[in-house]
Amino acid sequence: MQDKQPANDLRANEDEFFFRRDRELIEASRIKEAMEKELQAMSTAAGIADKDTLRDLRVQGFNAETVNLIALVPLVFTAWADGSLQDREPERVLEIARGLGVEEGTASWRQLARWLEAPPPGELLTSAMNALRRRQKSLSAEDREKHSRELIKNCTYVAASSGGFAGFGSISAAERRVIEGIAAFTD
């Protein structure tokens, strides 16, 4: 009789172990499926098929609702190049965001506002630039050149809004370095 009790306990422990393990595997599968759906939604929104690039963006805090901000990240870094936002730089970034379809009150707008309140981490620029480069690979050479010119024009517009005559003409050395780095990255 005593031999049966430990065997029953052992069997109950095994059952509990496998029950917990099954739950963990099911949860892991559910999380993986949700991540794949999110990456697919991000891919559709960003026009980027590369899963590694999308995962990197996810690590940086992007999701399907905010991935449209990758084209604005270089502008944010241009605005923060001097260590603080100057004069009309935030207004210019938000103006360009509106022109690109970012609407007030959306998750994208709120994220952009956070980046304009405190400088984002440097890895964000690298991830965004890698994503932009990935997206541009699917474009024709003419469209790639057009998008690169537009990005540099927008960065310059943001930088030039900080001082100078009527808010134009004063691009600092730090802003110029950031813009040159972005230009080199888009080539």
Protein backbone atom coordinates (compact mmCIF):
# COMPACT_ATOMS: atom_id res chain seq x y z
CA MET A 1 0.00 0.00 0.00
CA GLN A 2 2.80 2.41 0.82
CA ASP A 3 4.44 1.82 -2.57
CA LYS A 4 1.32 3.01 -4.43
CA GLN A 5 1.20 6.42 -2.73
CA PRO A 6 4.62 7.63 -3.99
CA ALA A 7 3.81 6.29 -7.46
CA ASN A 8 0.53 8.25 -7.45
CA ASP A 9 2.38 11.38 -6.30
CA LEU A 10 4.97 10.90 -9.01
CA ARG A 11 2.24 10.48 -11.63
CA ALA A 12 0.44 13.61 -10.37
CA ASN A 13 3.70 15.58 -10.55
CA GLU A 14 4.31 14.36 -14.09
CA ASP A 15 0.78 15.30 -15.11
CA GLU A 16 1.18 18.76 -13.58
CA PHE A 17 4.56 19.23 -15.31
CA PHE A 18 3.21 18.30 -18.74
CA PHE A 19 0.05 20.34 -18.21
CA ARG A 20 2.16 23.45 -17.41
CA ARG A 21 4.48 22.72 -20.32
CA ASP A 22 1.54 22.41 -22.73
CA ARG A 23 0.14 25.74 -21.50
CA GLU A 24 3.54 27.40 -21.99
CA LEU A 25 3.84 26.03 -25.53
CA ILE A 26 0.32 27.15 -26.41
CA GLU A 27 1.02 30.64 -25.03
CA ALA A 28 4.33 30.83 -26.90
CA SER A 29 2.54 29.81 -30.08
CA ARG A 30 -0.14 32.46 -29.50
CA ILE A 31 2.52 35.14 -28.94
CA LYS A 32 4.41 34.08 -32.07
CA GLU A 33 1.22 34.20 -34.13
CA ALA A 34 0.35 37.67 -32.80
CA MET A 35 3.89 38.88 -33.60
CA GLU A 36 3.65 37.53 -37.14
CA LYS A 37 0.33 39.33 -37.63
CA GLU A 38 1.86 42.57 -36.29
CA LEU A 39 4.89 42.21 -38.58
CA GLN A 40 2.59 41.61 -41.55
CA ALA A 41 0.57 44.71 -40.69
CA MET A 42 3.79 46.71 -40.32
CA SER A 43 5.02 45.35 -43.65
CA THR A 44 1.84 46.49 -45.37
CA ALA A 45 1.91 49.92 -43.72
CA ALA A 46 5.62 50.55 -44.33
CA GLY A 47 6.06 48.91 -47.72
CA ILE A 48 8.90 46.79 -46.33
CA ALA A 49 8.94 43.01 -46.74
CA ASP A 50 12.17 42.21 -44.88
CA LYS A 51 11.25 40.55 -41.56
CA ASP A 52 14.57 41.39 -39.87
CA THR A 53 14.10 45.08 -40.62
CA LEU A 54 10.54 44.94 -39.32
CA ARG A 55 11.65 43.14 -36.14
CA ASP A 56 14.31 45.80 -35.60
CA LEU A 57 11.67 48.51 -35.97
CA ARG A 58 9.48 46.61 -33.50
CA VAL A 59 12.35 46.57 -30.98
CA GLN A 60 12.59 50.36 -31.41
CA GLY A 61 8.92 50.66 -30.43
CA PHE A 62 7.28 50.90 -33.84
CA ASN A 63 4.06 49.08 -34.59
CA ALA A 64 1.60 49.01 -37.48
CA GLU A 65 0.12 52.33 -36.35
CA THR A 66 3.42 54.19 -35.96
CA VAL A 67 5.67 52.70 -38.64
CA ASN A 68 4.63 55.55 -40.95
CA LEU A 69 6.93 57.74 -38.84
CA ILE A 70 10.15 56.24 -40.21
CA ALA A 71 10.36 59.01 -42.82
CA LEU A 72 10.09 61.62 -40.05
CA VAL A 73 12.77 60.20 -37.76
CA PRO A 74 15.61 61.89 -39.71
CA LEU A 75 13.81 65.23 -39.33
CA VAL A 76 13.49 64.71 -35.59
CA PHE A 77 17.21 63.98 -35.32
CA THR A 78 18.01 67.04 -37.42
CA ALA A 79 15.90 69.15 -35.06
CA TRP A 80 17.71 67.71 -32.01
CA ALA A 81 21.19 67.99 -33.60
CA ASP A 82 22.17 70.96 -31.41
CA GLY A 83 21.05 69.23 -28.23
CA SER A 84 17.75 71.09 -27.95
CA LEU A 85 14.93 72.14 -30.20
CA GLN A 86 15.30 75.63 -31.60
CA ASP A 87 12.60 78.18 -32.43
CA ARG A 88 10.28 76.74 -35.04
CA GLU A 89 11.84 73.29 -35.55
CA PRO A 90 9.01 71.37 -33.83
CA GLU A 91 6.43 73.31 -35.86
CA ARG A 92 8.24 72.42 -39.08
CA VAL A 93 8.43 68.72 -38.20
CA LEU A 94 4.71 68.66 -37.36
CA GLU A 95 3.90 70.59 -40.54
CA ILE A 96 5.72 68.00 -42.65
CA ALA A 97 4.06 65.20 -40.66
CA ARG A 98 0.63 66.62 -41.49
CA GLY A 99 1.63 66.77 -45.15
CA LEU A 100 2.56 63.09 -44.98
CA GLY A 101 -0.84 62.21 -43.54
CA VAL A 102 -0.05 61.97 -39.83
CA GLU A 103 -3.20 63.14 -38.09
CA GLU A 104 -3.47 64.78 -34.70
CA GLY A 105 -4.73 62.46 -31.99
CA THR A 106 -3.39 59.28 -33.63
CA ALA A 107 -0.79 56.96 -32.12
CA SER A 108 1.70 58.29 -34.68
CA TRP A 109 1.05 61.89 -33.69
CA ARG A 110 1.48 61.10 -30.00
CA GLN A 111 4.74 59.25 -30.67
CA LEU A 112 6.08 62.11 -32.76
CA ALA A 113 5.14 64.56 -30.00
CA ARG A 114 7.11 62.45 -27.48
CA TRP A 115 10.17 62.59 -29.75
CA LEU A 116 9.81 66.37 -29.90
CA GLU A 117 9.64 66.57 -26.09
CA ALA A 118 12.78 64.55 -25.41
CA PRO A 119 15.49 63.37 -27.79
CA PRO A 120 15.01 59.77 -28.90
CA PRO A 121 17.84 57.22 -28.65
CA GLY A 122 20.38 57.17 -31.47
CA GLU A 123 19.52 53.59 -32.41
CA LEU A 124 16.16 54.88 -33.58
CA LEU A 125 17.78 56.85 -36.40
CA THR A 126 19.85 53.86 -37.50
CA SER A 127 16.79 51.58 -37.53
CA ALA A 128 14.68 54.13 -39.39
CA MET A 129 17.38 54.77 -41.97
CA ASN A 130 17.87 51.03 -42.51
CA ALA A 131 14.12 50.69 -43.00
CA LEU A 132 13.99 53.61 -45.43
CA ARG A 133 16.86 52.11 -47.40
CA ARG A 134 15.05 48.74 -47.47
CA ARG A 135 11.88 50.40 -48.69
CA GLN A 136 13.74 52.34 -51.36
CA LYS A 137 15.19 49.12 -52.81
CA SER A 138 11.73 48.30 -54.14
CA LEU A 139 11.53 51.63 -55.99
CA SER A 140 12.84 52.61 -59.38
CA ALA A 141 16.13 54.52 -59.49
CA GLU A 142 14.21 57.69 -60.36
CA ASP A 143 11.82 57.29 -57.42
CA ARG A 144 14.71 56.47 -55.04
CA GLU A 145 16.43 59.68 -56.07
CA LYS A 146 13.20 61.64 -55.66
CA HIS A 147 12.60 60.25 -52.15
CA SER A 148 16.21 60.94 -51.11
CA ARG A 149 16.00 64.53 -52.36
CA GLU A 150 12.69 65.02 -50.55
CA LEU A 151 14.12 63.68 -47.30
CA ILE A 152 17.17 65.95 -47.46
CA LYS A 153 14.98 68.91 -48.45
CA ASN A 154 12.73 68.29 -45.43
CA CYS A 155 15.71 67.93 -43.06
CA THR A 156 17.17 71.18 -44.42
CA TYR A 157 13.79 72.91 -44.03
CA VAL A 158 13.66 71.87 -40.37
CA ALA A 159 17.27 72.91 -39.73
CA ALA A 160 16.89 76.27 -41.50
CA SER A 161 13.91 77.18 -39.34
CA SER A 162 16.10 77.76 -36.29
CA GLY A 163 17.09 81.38 -36.38
CA GLY A 164 18.54 83.53 -39.10
CA PHE A 165 16.57 86.14 -41.01
CA ALA A 166 12.82 85.39 -40.82
CA GLY A 167 13.67 81.93 -39.48
CA PHE A 168 15.74 80.87 -42.50
CA GLY A 169 19.38 80.56 -43.32
CA SER A 170 20.88 79.48 -40.03
CA ILE A 171 21.90 75.83 -40.24
CA SER A 172 24.36 74.92 -37.52
CA ALA A 173 27.43 72.74 -38.02
CA ALA A 174 25.78 69.99 -35.96
CA GLU A 175 22.64 70.10 -38.10
CA ARG A 176 24.75 70.08 -41.25
CA ARG A 177 26.62 66.96 -40.01
CA VAL A 178 23.35 65.16 -39.30
CA ILE A 179 21.96 66.06 -42.73
CA GLU A 180 25.20 64.98 -44.45
CA GLY A 181 25.07 61.66 -42.58
CA ILE A 182 21.47 61.12 -43.65
CA ALA A 183 22.36 62.02 -47.25
CA ALA A 184 25.26 59.55 -47.22
CA PHE A 185 22.99 56.86 -45.83
CA THR A 186 20.42 57.34 -48.59
CA ASP A 187 22.96 57.06 -51.41
